[in-house]
Amino acid sequence: MHARTIQASIVPGKVDEALALYRDEILPVLRTMPGYVSTTVMVDRDDHRALVSTVWDSQEAAEATGEGSEYLNRMLSHVRFVLVSRDIHHWDVPIADRATSAGE
């Protein structure tokens, strides 16, 4: 598996708006992308920062939606006005663990 992280500084006072845009505009599209596995969004409201991690089943799937791709450019257009800056990294994921509930 492979992951992409985007660390973003958010315009002060726009954290909730950025989260709503991600949830309502970006996440539904992500779910349709080939190779998509999961998303985790973390925020530090005091410092107006977010860390978004998306996991993909292959390096090719991660790269197809990465920096310079039509997908990423289109998705960033939804949130550009609430971002101060962003930093994107790609990662190999050699270990992934997920807790399961009883009965699974």
Protein backbone atom coordinates (compact mmCIF):
# COMPACT_ATOMS: atom_id res chain seq x y z
CA MET A 1 0.00 0.00 0.00
CA HIS A 2 0.99 3.62 -0.44
CA ALA A 3 -0.08 6.82 1.27
CA ARG A 4 -0.12 10.51 0.50
CA THR A 5 -0.09 13.06 3.28
CA ILE A 6 -1.02 16.67 2.85
CA GLN A 7 -0.11 18.96 5.72
CA ALA A 8 -1.96 22.24 5.38
CA SER A 9 -2.07 25.52 7.22
CA ILE A 10 -5.64 26.78 7.28
CA VAL A 11 -6.84 30.37 7.29
CA PRO A 12 -7.64 31.22 10.94
CA GLY A 13 -11.34 30.75 11.62
CA LYS A 14 -11.82 28.47 8.58
CA VAL A 15 -11.05 25.03 10.07
CA ASP A 16 -14.70 23.94 10.23
CA GLU A 17 -15.32 25.25 6.71
CA ALA A 18 -12.27 23.37 5.42
CA LEU A 19 -13.47 20.16 7.09
CA ALA A 20 -16.96 20.54 5.62
CA LEU A 21 -15.51 21.11 2.14
CA TYR A 22 -13.33 18.02 2.48
CA ARG A 23 -16.21 15.88 3.76
CA ASP A 24 -18.78 17.13 1.23
CA GLU A 25 -16.74 17.84 -1.92
CA ILE A 26 -13.53 15.83 -1.83
CA LEU A 27 -14.30 12.62 0.05
CA PRO A 28 -17.17 11.54 -2.23
CA VAL A 29 -14.87 11.86 -5.26
CA LEU A 30 -12.02 10.06 -3.50
CA ARG A 31 -14.26 7.08 -2.88
CA THR A 32 -14.70 6.65 -6.64
CA MET A 33 -10.99 6.71 -7.49
CA PRO A 34 -9.35 3.43 -8.56
CA GLY A 35 -7.12 2.04 -5.83
CA TYR A 36 -8.52 4.23 -3.02
CA VAL A 37 -8.41 2.53 0.39
CA SER A 38 -8.98 5.10 3.15
CA THR A 39 -8.69 8.66 4.44
CA THR A 40 -7.78 10.07 7.83
CA VAL A 41 -8.07 13.78 8.60
CA MET A 42 -6.46 15.25 11.72
CA VAL A 43 -6.69 18.87 12.83
CA ASP A 44 -4.99 21.14 15.33
CA ARG A 45 -7.58 23.85 15.82
CA ASP A 46 -5.29 25.99 17.98
CA ASP A 47 -2.58 26.16 15.29
CA HIS A 48 -5.02 26.14 12.33
CA ARG A 49 -3.39 23.06 10.78
CA ALA A 50 -4.63 19.86 9.21
CA LEU A 51 -2.97 16.62 8.23
CA VAL A 52 -4.77 14.51 5.65
CA SER A 53 -3.62 10.98 4.91
CA THR A 54 -5.02 8.96 2.02
CA VAL A 55 -4.09 5.33 1.51
CA TRP A 56 -3.97 3.64 -1.90
CA ASP A 57 -3.60 0.00 -2.90
CA SER A 58 -0.64 0.73 -5.20
CA GLN A 59 2.00 3.33 -5.94
CA GLU A 60 0.42 3.84 -9.37
CA ALA A 61 -2.98 4.68 -7.83
CA ALA A 62 -1.39 7.13 -5.39
CA GLU A 63 0.63 8.80 -8.14
CA ALA A 64 -2.36 8.99 -10.52
CA THR A 65 -4.08 11.25 -7.99
CA GLY A 66 -0.94 13.04 -6.79
CA GLU A 67 0.80 16.34 -7.39
CA GLY A 68 0.05 17.74 -10.84
CA SER A 69 -2.82 15.33 -11.53
CA GLU A 70 -6.14 16.59 -12.81
CA TYR A 71 -7.80 15.00 -9.77
CA LEU A 72 -5.64 16.79 -7.19
CA ASN A 73 -5.83 20.12 -9.00
CA ARG A 74 -9.63 19.85 -9.15
CA MET A 75 -9.91 18.87 -5.47
CA LEU A 76 -7.57 21.62 -4.31
CA SER A 77 -9.65 24.16 -6.20
CA HIS A 78 -12.45 23.43 -3.71
CA VAL A 79 -10.32 24.35 -0.70
CA ARG A 80 -7.71 26.84 -1.99
CA PHE A 81 -9.43 29.83 -0.38
CA VAL A 82 -9.26 28.25 3.10
CA LEU A 83 -5.60 27.18 2.84
CA VAL A 84 -2.56 29.27 3.64
CA SER A 85 -0.08 26.61 2.50
CA ARG A 86 0.21 22.89 1.85
CA ASP A 87 2.98 20.31 1.75
CA ILE A 88 2.50 16.94 0.02
CA HIS A 89 4.46 13.73 0.65
CA HIS A 90 4.17 10.16 -0.65
CA TRP A 91 4.90 7.16 1.54
CA ASP A 92 5.29 3.41 1.26
CA VAL A 93 3.08 1.68 3.87
CA PRO A 94 4.81 -1.52 4.99
CA ILE A 95 2.61 -1.94 8.11
CA ALA A 96 -1.08 -1.08 8.49
CA ASP A 97 -3.19 -2.18 11.42
CA ARG A 98 -6.91 -1.75 11.91
CA ALA A 99 -8.82 -2.65 15.02
CA THR A 100 -11.87 -4.79 14.40
CA SER A 101 -15.00 -5.05 16.43
CA ALA A 102 -16.17 -8.30 17.99
CA GLY A 103 -17.80 -10.62 15.50
CA GLU A 104 -15.74 -9.60 12.46
